N, C-alpha and C. Protein backbone atom coordinates (compact mmCIF):
# COMPACT_ATOMS: atom_id res chain seq x y z
N MET A 1 -13.32 -46.96 -5.40
CA MET A 1 -14.26 -45.77 -4.92
C MET A 1 -12.73 -44.82 -3.98
N LEU A 2 -12.15 -45.49 -3.73
CA LEU A 2 -11.06 -45.54 -2.62
C LEU A 2 -10.44 -44.87 -3.56
N LYS A 3 -9.64 -45.26 -4.33
CA LYS A 3 -8.82 -44.54 -5.19
C LYS A 3 -9.43 -43.05 -5.84
N GLU A 4 -10.98 -43.16 -6.24
CA GLU A 4 -11.92 -42.11 -6.52
C GLU A 4 -11.51 -40.83 -5.58
N PHE A 5 -11.90 -41.11 -4.61
CA PHE A 5 -11.76 -39.94 -3.36
C PHE A 5 -10.12 -40.08 -2.88
N LYS A 6 -9.42 -41.09 -3.12
CA LYS A 6 -7.79 -39.66 -2.68
C LYS A 6 -7.33 -39.53 -4.11
N GLN A 7 -8.22 -39.25 -5.57
CA GLN A 7 -8.17 -38.42 -6.57
C GLN A 7 -8.46 -37.40 -6.23
N PHE A 8 -10.20 -37.37 -5.54
CA PHE A 8 -10.90 -35.92 -4.93
C PHE A 8 -10.02 -35.67 -4.29
N ALA A 9 -9.58 -36.12 -3.43
CA ALA A 9 -8.71 -35.33 -1.98
C ALA A 9 -7.54 -34.47 -2.34
N MET A 10 -6.36 -35.55 -3.42
CA MET A 10 -5.67 -34.01 -3.42
C MET A 10 -5.80 -33.36 -4.74
N GLN A 11 -6.94 -32.89 -5.37
CA GLN A 11 -7.28 -32.00 -6.31
C GLN A 11 -6.59 -30.87 -5.51
N GLY A 12 -5.81 -30.14 -6.65
CA GLY A 12 -5.46 -28.37 -6.12
C GLY A 12 -6.95 -27.97 -5.08
N ASN A 13 -7.57 -27.48 -5.72
CA ASN A 13 -8.94 -26.84 -4.83
C ASN A 13 -9.24 -27.27 -3.89
N VAL A 14 -8.88 -28.67 -3.44
CA VAL A 14 -9.20 -29.22 -2.01
C VAL A 14 -8.18 -28.54 -0.73
N ILE A 15 -6.53 -29.39 -1.63
CA ILE A 15 -6.11 -28.55 -0.64
C ILE A 15 -5.91 -27.44 -0.37
N ASP A 16 -6.25 -25.80 -1.56
CA ASP A 16 -6.06 -24.45 -1.29
C ASP A 16 -7.27 -24.92 -0.54
N LEU A 17 -8.33 -25.32 -0.60
CA LEU A 17 -9.56 -24.77 0.67
C LEU A 17 -8.76 -25.51 2.29
N ALA A 18 -9.17 -26.52 1.73
CA ALA A 18 -7.76 -26.66 3.50
C ALA A 18 -7.02 -25.88 3.85
N VAL A 19 -6.05 -25.05 3.36
CA VAL A 19 -5.23 -24.69 3.64
C VAL A 19 -5.60 -23.26 4.51
N GLY A 20 -6.71 -22.59 3.45
CA GLY A 20 -7.93 -21.28 3.37
C GLY A 20 -8.60 -21.22 4.73
N VAL A 21 -8.13 -22.43 4.62
CA VAL A 21 -10.09 -22.94 6.28
C VAL A 21 -8.79 -22.68 7.27
N ILE A 22 -7.37 -23.47 7.72
CA ILE A 22 -6.62 -23.36 8.56
C ILE A 22 -5.85 -21.81 9.22
N ILE A 23 -5.38 -21.13 7.54
CA ILE A 23 -5.37 -19.78 7.68
C ILE A 23 -6.47 -18.79 8.76
N GLY A 24 -7.47 -19.26 7.62
CA GLY A 24 -8.57 -18.24 8.34
C GLY A 24 -8.73 -18.81 9.98
N GLY A 25 -8.71 -19.82 10.05
CA GLY A 25 -8.52 -20.24 11.78
C GLY A 25 -7.74 -19.05 13.03
N ALA A 26 -6.58 -19.84 12.17
CA ALA A 26 -5.78 -18.97 12.34
C ALA A 26 -5.88 -17.39 12.84
N PHE A 27 -6.23 -16.78 11.51
CA PHE A 27 -5.80 -15.39 11.38
C PHE A 27 -7.21 -14.38 12.10
N GLY A 28 -8.82 -15.74 12.15
CA GLY A 28 -9.67 -15.48 13.35
C GLY A 28 -8.99 -15.06 15.15
N LYS A 29 -7.78 -16.27 15.42
CA LYS A 29 -8.13 -15.82 16.70
C LYS A 29 -7.01 -14.60 16.86
N ILE A 30 -5.93 -14.77 16.17
CA ILE A 30 -5.35 -13.08 15.64
C ILE A 30 -6.51 -12.21 16.13
N VAL A 31 -7.19 -12.03 14.83
CA VAL A 31 -8.09 -10.42 15.16
C VAL A 31 -8.91 -10.93 17.13
N THR A 32 -9.68 -12.36 17.40
CA THR A 32 -10.26 -12.12 18.61
C THR A 32 -9.36 -11.11 19.28
N SER A 33 -8.20 -12.12 19.21
CA SER A 33 -7.69 -11.09 20.48
C SER A 33 -6.71 -10.34 20.78
N PHE A 34 -6.21 -9.93 18.60
CA PHE A 34 -6.76 -8.65 18.68
C PHE A 34 -7.83 -7.15 19.70
N VAL A 35 -9.25 -7.34 19.33
CA VAL A 35 -9.86 -7.13 20.17
C VAL A 35 -10.15 -6.47 21.33
N ASN A 36 -10.26 -8.31 21.93
CA ASN A 36 -10.32 -8.68 22.94
C ASN A 36 -8.61 -7.91 23.56
N ASP A 37 -8.29 -8.26 23.73
CA ASP A 37 -6.94 -7.26 24.80
C ASP A 37 -5.88 -6.08 24.60
N ILE A 38 -6.48 -5.87 22.88
CA ILE A 38 -5.09 -4.45 22.22
C ILE A 38 -6.54 -3.54 22.19
N LEU A 39 -7.11 -3.58 21.49
CA LEU A 39 -8.43 -2.99 21.49
C LEU A 39 -9.37 -2.54 21.71
N MET A 40 -9.92 -3.17 23.13
CA MET A 40 -11.50 -3.00 23.91
C MET A 40 -11.32 -2.10 24.56
N PRO A 41 -10.01 -3.12 26.14
CA PRO A 41 -9.27 -2.48 27.11
C PRO A 41 -8.72 -0.52 27.42
N PRO A 42 -8.29 0.37 26.13
CA PRO A 42 -8.70 1.68 26.02
C PRO A 42 -10.11 1.86 26.28
N ILE A 43 -10.84 1.25 24.86
CA ILE A 43 -12.31 2.07 24.47
C ILE A 43 -13.06 2.24 25.61
N GLY A 44 -12.38 0.73 26.91
CA GLY A 44 -14.15 0.33 28.13
C GLY A 44 -13.02 1.46 29.02
N LEU A 45 -11.74 1.67 28.52
CA LEU A 45 -11.26 3.18 29.80
C LEU A 45 -12.28 4.16 29.55
N ILE A 46 -11.92 4.31 28.11
CA ILE A 46 -12.57 5.65 27.69
C ILE A 46 -13.83 6.03 27.72
N LEU A 47 -15.16 4.66 28.07
CA LEU A 47 -15.95 5.05 27.95
C LEU A 47 -16.44 5.11 30.16
N GLY A 48 -15.26 4.64 29.99
CA GLY A 48 -15.77 4.66 32.22
C GLY A 48 -15.13 3.38 32.65
N GLN A 49 -13.90 2.85 32.04
CA GLN A 49 -13.88 1.65 32.43
C GLN A 49 -14.92 0.53 32.25
N VAL A 50 -15.16 0.63 31.02
CA VAL A 50 -15.96 -0.95 30.81
C VAL A 50 -15.21 -1.67 30.56
N ASN A 51 -15.65 -2.96 30.68
CA ASN A 51 -14.91 -4.08 30.82
C ASN A 51 -16.20 -5.53 29.50
N PHE A 52 -16.30 -4.60 27.82
CA PHE A 52 -17.55 -4.99 27.23
C PHE A 52 -17.25 -6.86 27.68
N THR A 53 -16.66 -7.28 27.43
CA THR A 53 -16.66 -9.15 28.06
C THR A 53 -17.60 -9.18 29.16
N ASP A 54 -17.58 -8.26 30.05
CA ASP A 54 -18.33 -8.10 31.65
C ASP A 54 -19.99 -7.36 31.11
N LEU A 55 -20.51 -7.26 29.88
CA LEU A 55 -21.75 -6.46 30.32
C LEU A 55 -22.50 -7.95 30.41
N TYR A 56 -24.05 -7.94 30.10
CA TYR A 56 -25.00 -8.48 29.82
C TYR A 56 -25.63 -8.42 30.87
N MET A 57 -26.68 -9.00 30.70
CA MET A 57 -28.29 -8.24 31.62
C MET A 57 -28.65 -9.82 31.82
N VAL A 58 -28.61 -10.16 32.84
CA VAL A 58 -30.30 -11.06 33.02
C VAL A 58 -31.07 -11.17 32.81
N ILE A 59 -31.26 -13.11 32.96
CA ILE A 59 -32.95 -12.51 32.13
C ILE A 59 -33.64 -14.14 33.16
N LYS A 60 -33.35 -14.55 34.31
CA LYS A 60 -33.55 -15.07 34.56
C LYS A 60 -32.12 -15.41 35.89
N GLY A 61 -32.95 -15.39 37.59
CA GLY A 61 -32.83 -15.64 38.22
C GLY A 61 -31.59 -13.85 38.69
N GLN A 62 -31.22 -14.36 39.92
CA GLN A 62 -30.76 -12.60 40.70
C GLN A 62 -28.94 -13.37 40.66
N VAL A 63 -28.41 -12.57 40.47
CA VAL A 63 -26.80 -12.11 40.91
C VAL A 63 -27.19 -10.30 40.90
N PRO A 64 -26.14 -10.52 41.88
CA PRO A 64 -25.44 -9.12 43.49
C PRO A 64 -25.09 -8.21 42.26
N PRO A 65 -25.78 -6.80 42.07
CA PRO A 65 -25.12 -6.07 41.27
C PRO A 65 -23.56 -5.70 41.02
N GLY A 66 -22.87 -5.69 39.70
CA GLY A 66 -21.66 -5.64 39.25
C GLY A 66 -20.43 -6.94 39.29
N THR A 67 -21.43 -7.26 39.32
CA THR A 67 -21.03 -9.08 39.27
C THR A 67 -19.80 -9.57 38.82
N PRO A 68 -18.96 -9.73 37.59
CA PRO A 68 -18.39 -9.57 36.05
C PRO A 68 -19.06 -10.84 35.93
N LEU A 69 -19.31 -11.57 34.71
CA LEU A 69 -20.07 -11.93 34.05
C LEU A 69 -19.66 -13.42 33.70
N SER A 70 -18.01 -13.69 34.17
CA SER A 70 -18.37 -15.08 34.39
C SER A 70 -17.82 -15.83 36.02
N GLU A 71 -18.24 -15.00 37.36
CA GLU A 71 -19.12 -15.39 38.29
C GLU A 71 -20.50 -15.32 38.10
N ALA A 72 -21.04 -15.05 37.65
CA ALA A 72 -22.47 -14.73 37.48
C ALA A 72 -23.03 -15.74 36.57
N ALA A 73 -21.81 -16.30 35.62
CA ALA A 73 -22.38 -17.59 34.63
C ALA A 73 -21.86 -18.92 35.84
N LYS A 74 -21.08 -18.39 36.88
CA LYS A 74 -21.14 -19.76 37.66
C LYS A 74 -22.36 -19.99 39.14
N ILE A 75 -23.48 -18.97 39.35
CA ILE A 75 -24.97 -18.85 40.45
C ILE A 75 -25.28 -19.56 39.37
N ALA A 76 -25.92 -21.03 39.95
CA ALA A 76 -26.90 -21.96 39.54
C ALA A 76 -28.01 -21.18 38.96
N GLY A 77 -29.28 -21.80 38.05
CA GLY A 77 -29.92 -21.38 38.10
C GLY A 77 -30.06 -19.84 37.09
N VAL A 78 -29.00 -19.54 36.52
CA VAL A 78 -29.01 -17.91 36.36
C VAL A 78 -28.96 -18.01 35.11
N VAL A 79 -29.40 -17.43 34.17
CA VAL A 79 -29.36 -16.70 32.94
C VAL A 79 -29.26 -15.90 32.23
N THR A 80 -28.45 -15.66 31.39
CA THR A 80 -28.64 -14.01 30.94
C THR A 80 -27.83 -13.37 29.73
N TRP A 81 -28.04 -12.93 29.36
CA TRP A 81 -28.32 -12.01 27.85
C TRP A 81 -26.10 -11.58 27.59
N ASN A 82 -26.06 -12.61 27.47
CA ASN A 82 -23.98 -11.36 27.61
C ASN A 82 -24.41 -10.98 25.89
N TYR A 83 -24.94 -9.67 25.78
CA TYR A 83 -24.02 -8.36 25.46
C TYR A 83 -23.32 -7.72 24.17
N GLY A 84 -22.28 -8.02 26.12
CA GLY A 84 -21.27 -8.02 25.49
C GLY A 84 -19.61 -8.45 24.71
N SER A 85 -19.92 -9.89 24.87
CA SER A 85 -19.73 -11.17 24.23
C SER A 85 -19.38 -10.81 23.02
N PHE A 86 -21.52 -10.56 22.00
CA PHE A 86 -21.53 -9.49 21.16
C PHE A 86 -21.26 -9.11 20.38
N ILE A 87 -21.09 -8.12 21.67
CA ILE A 87 -20.50 -6.39 20.15
C ILE A 87 -19.23 -6.63 20.07
N ASN A 88 -18.13 -7.98 20.59
CA ASN A 88 -16.85 -8.13 20.92
C ASN A 88 -16.74 -8.67 19.13
N ALA A 89 -17.41 -9.75 19.29
CA ALA A 89 -17.90 -10.55 17.70
C ALA A 89 -18.43 -9.60 16.62
N VAL A 90 -18.70 -8.66 17.13
CA VAL A 90 -19.23 -7.82 15.62
C VAL A 90 -18.15 -7.31 15.80
N ILE A 91 -16.80 -6.47 16.58
CA ILE A 91 -16.26 -5.33 16.92
C ILE A 91 -14.84 -6.77 15.59
N ASP A 92 -14.46 -7.82 15.90
CA ASP A 92 -14.19 -8.85 15.33
C ASP A 92 -14.56 -9.27 13.62
N PHE A 93 -15.72 -9.33 13.73
CA PHE A 93 -16.44 -9.48 12.01
C PHE A 93 -16.03 -8.50 11.15
N ALA A 94 -15.99 -7.11 12.02
CA ALA A 94 -15.61 -6.28 11.02
C ALA A 94 -14.45 -5.83 10.68
N ILE A 95 -14.00 -6.41 11.92
CA ILE A 95 -11.81 -6.19 11.36
C ILE A 95 -11.68 -7.59 10.36
N ILE A 96 -12.12 -8.47 10.66
CA ILE A 96 -12.00 -9.44 8.95
C ILE A 96 -12.90 -8.76 7.62
N ALA A 97 -13.48 -8.92 8.07
CA ALA A 97 -14.23 -8.08 6.48
C ALA A 97 -13.48 -7.60 5.70
N PHE A 98 -13.02 -6.24 6.73
CA PHE A 98 -12.14 -4.89 6.05
C PHE A 98 -11.08 -5.79 5.75
N VAL A 99 -10.21 -6.45 6.56
CA VAL A 99 -8.61 -7.17 5.79
C VAL A 99 -8.53 -7.97 4.94
N ILE A 100 -10.48 -8.36 4.79
CA ILE A 100 -10.21 -9.48 3.18
C ILE A 100 -11.17 -8.40 2.36
N PHE A 101 -11.91 -7.65 3.17
CA PHE A 101 -11.86 -7.03 1.54
C PHE A 101 -10.64 -5.74 1.22
N LEU A 102 -9.73 -5.66 1.73
CA LEU A 102 -9.04 -4.67 1.42
C LEU A 102 -7.07 -6.42 0.48
N MET A 103 -7.29 -7.33 0.82
CA MET A 103 -6.71 -8.22 0.32
C MET A 103 -7.40 -8.57 -1.01
N ILE A 104 -8.43 -8.55 -1.20
CA ILE A 104 -9.60 -8.93 -2.57
C ILE A 104 -8.98 -7.75 -3.76
N HIS A 105 -9.35 -6.04 -2.19
CA HIS A 105 -8.82 -5.27 -4.62
C HIS A 105 -7.58 -5.39 -4.39
N PHE A 106 -6.47 -5.71 -3.36
CA PHE A 106 -5.44 -5.40 -3.98
C PHE A 106 -5.19 -6.64 -5.11
N ILE A 107 -5.79 -7.87 -5.13
CA ILE A 107 -5.75 -8.33 -5.25
C ILE A 107 -6.25 -8.92 -6.86
N ASN A 108 -7.22 -7.78 -6.67
CA ASN A 108 -7.88 -7.80 -8.42
C ASN A 108 -7.18 -6.82 -8.66
N GLN A 109 -6.64 -5.46 -8.10
CA GLN A 109 -5.74 -5.04 -8.58
C GLN A 109 -4.56 -5.76 -9.58
N MET A 110 -4.13 -6.16 -8.78
CA MET A 110 -2.82 -7.35 -9.81
C MET A 110 -3.30 -7.78 -11.10
N LYS A 111 -4.64 -8.16 -10.85
CA LYS A 111 -5.31 -8.57 -11.83
C LYS A 111 -5.00 -8.38 -13.14
N ALA A 112 -6.00 -6.87 -12.83
CA ALA A 112 -6.10 -6.56 -13.94
C ALA A 112 -5.01 -5.83 -14.16
N GLN A 113 -2.89 -5.74 -13.73
CA GLN A 113 -2.34 -4.56 -13.73
C GLN A 113 -2.21 -6.29 -15.09
N VAL A 114 -2.26 -7.21 -14.45
CA VAL A 114 -1.70 -8.74 -15.38
C VAL A 114 -1.85 -8.51 -16.60
N GLN A 115 -3.18 -8.88 -16.23
CA GLN A 115 -4.26 -9.15 -17.78
C GLN A 115 -4.93 -7.13 -19.29
N ALA A 116 -3.62 -6.34 -18.38
CA ALA A 116 -4.17 -5.08 -19.21
C ALA A 116 -4.22 -5.83 -20.47
N PRO A 117 -4.87 -5.18 -21.52
CA PRO A 117 -3.63 -5.98 -22.42
C PRO A 117 -2.62 -4.53 -23.36
N ALA A 118 -2.02 -4.67 -23.78
CA ALA A 118 -0.37 -4.25 -24.76
C ALA A 118 -1.51 -3.16 -25.14
N PRO A 119 -0.27 -1.99 -25.05
CA PRO A 119 -1.06 -0.60 -25.99
C PRO A 119 -0.54 -1.65 -27.58
N ALA A 120 -1.59 -1.53 -28.63
CA ALA A 120 -1.91 -2.24 -30.38
C ALA A 120 -0.41 -1.62 -30.58
N ALA A 121 0.45 -2.20 -30.72
CA ALA A 121 1.39 -1.53 -32.58
C ALA A 121 0.72 -0.49 -33.37
N ALA A 122 0.96 0.97 -33.48
CA ALA A 122 0.83 0.90 -35.16
C ALA A 122 0.55 0.10 -36.22
N PRO A 123 -0.34 0.19 -37.13
CA PRO A 123 -0.73 -0.72 -37.83
C PRO A 123 0.05 -0.33 -39.59
N VAL A 124 0.43 -2.02 -39.64
CA VAL A 124 2.06 -1.62 -40.79
C VAL A 124 0.87 -0.76 -42.33
N PRO A 125 1.25 0.95 -43.23
CA PRO A 125 -0.22 0.83 -44.27
C PRO A 125 1.30 -0.12 -45.39
N VAL A 126 -0.02 -0.61 -45.85
CA VAL A 126 0.01 -0.90 -46.96
C VAL A 126 -0.64 -0.50 -48.68
N THR A 127 -1.07 0.66 -47.57
CA THR A 127 -1.06 0.98 -49.21
C THR A 127 -0.28 3.31 -49.14
N LYS A 128 0.07 3.64 -50.06
CA LYS A 128 -0.29 5.20 -50.25
C LYS A 128 -0.90 6.04 -51.12
N THR A 129 0.40 6.85 -50.92
CA THR A 129 -1.41 8.37 -51.51
C THR A 129 -0.59 9.20 -53.03
N CYS A 130 -0.89 8.68 -54.63
CA CYS A 130 -0.48 8.83 -55.74
C CYS A 130 -0.05 10.89 -55.56
N PRO A 131 1.56 11.00 -55.22
CA PRO A 131 1.11 11.97 -55.50
C PRO A 131 0.95 13.20 -56.34
N GLN A 132 0.67 12.46 -57.87
CA GLN A 132 0.01 13.57 -58.80
C GLN A 132 -2.15 13.76 -58.40
N CYS A 133 -2.05 12.25 -58.03
CA CYS A 133 -4.06 12.08 -57.64
C CYS A 133 -4.39 12.22 -56.77
N ALA A 134 -4.27 11.17 -56.26
CA ALA A 134 -3.96 12.07 -54.13
C ALA A 134 -4.64 10.42 -54.08
N THR A 135 -4.65 9.60 -55.26
CA THR A 135 -5.68 8.50 -54.52
C THR A 135 -4.74 7.43 -54.45
N GLU A 136 -5.86 6.56 -52.96
CA GLU A 136 -5.11 5.42 -52.14
C GLU A 136 -3.98 4.38 -52.93
N ILE A 137 -3.25 4.05 -53.76
CA ILE A 137 -2.80 2.68 -54.22
C ILE A 137 -1.35 2.25 -52.81
N PRO A 138 -1.79 0.73 -53.83
CA PRO A 138 -1.09 -0.18 -53.12
C PRO A 138 1.01 0.20 -53.31
N LEU A 139 1.47 -0.21 -51.75
CA LEU A 139 3.00 0.05 -51.69
C LEU A 139 3.68 -0.29 -52.70
N ALA A 140 3.33 -1.36 -52.85
CA ALA A 140 4.15 -2.22 -54.11
C ALA A 140 4.32 -1.12 -55.48
N ALA A 141 3.56 -0.44 -55.69
CA ALA A 141 2.59 -0.14 -57.89
C ALA A 141 3.77 0.68 -58.12
N LYS A 142 4.52 0.85 -59.57
CA LYS A 142 5.24 1.75 -59.81
C LYS A 142 4.02 2.83 -60.58
N ARG A 143 3.05 2.65 -60.92
CA ARG A 143 2.65 3.44 -61.22
C ARG A 143 1.43 3.41 -60.84
N CYS A 144 0.78 4.41 -61.38
CA CYS A 144 -0.86 4.57 -60.49
C CYS A 144 -1.41 4.22 -60.87
N PRO A 145 -2.87 3.14 -61.01
CA PRO A 145 -4.05 2.31 -61.91
C PRO A 145 -4.76 3.85 -62.24
N HIS A 146 -5.30 5.18 -61.48
CA HIS A 146 -5.85 6.49 -61.91
C HIS A 146 -5.86 6.88 -62.83
N CYS A 147 -4.53 7.83 -62.83
CA CYS A 147 -3.60 9.07 -64.07
C CYS A 147 -2.54 8.35 -63.92
N THR A 148 -2.00 7.32 -64.44
CA THR A 148 -0.53 6.58 -64.85
C THR A 148 0.46 6.91 -65.29
N SER A 149 0.50 8.15 -63.66
CA SER A 149 1.79 8.74 -63.64
C SER A 149 2.83 7.44 -62.59
N GLN A 150 3.91 8.08 -63.13
CA GLN A 150 5.05 7.39 -62.45
C GLN A 150 5.08 7.65 -61.46
N LEU A 151 5.83 6.23 -60.45
CA LEU A 151 5.93 6.81 -59.07
C LEU A 151 7.65 6.17 -58.66
């Protein structure tokens, strides 16, 4: 059983999947940082100094108005609905989905170029036309079988 597991774990597909998951996780962190640290601050500034990570709604408990989410979370017994974090996650997903779409589109184009059939060569003629009777005859013929003319 151990030998079978080792054989399974060393298959190309399993290793490719593991590498893909690791790279995908790292790429997700990069996109999250891009959204949270690069993209959202200017959008928040345009919308009136809004920090999306601090957008929440109190479901249970009391929080002083204008309290950042990090401070509201520390207050005992307060339950919040963190829709700003959800907005960031949706933007993360949209960016990752778009990049994956572009990658798949590019890969499909590359496959189409590689798999495109070569243009067919013109077929080699095996017959010719008799100049006297215009009948199709084999190329090697010395006399037309229809009109018996010399070729």
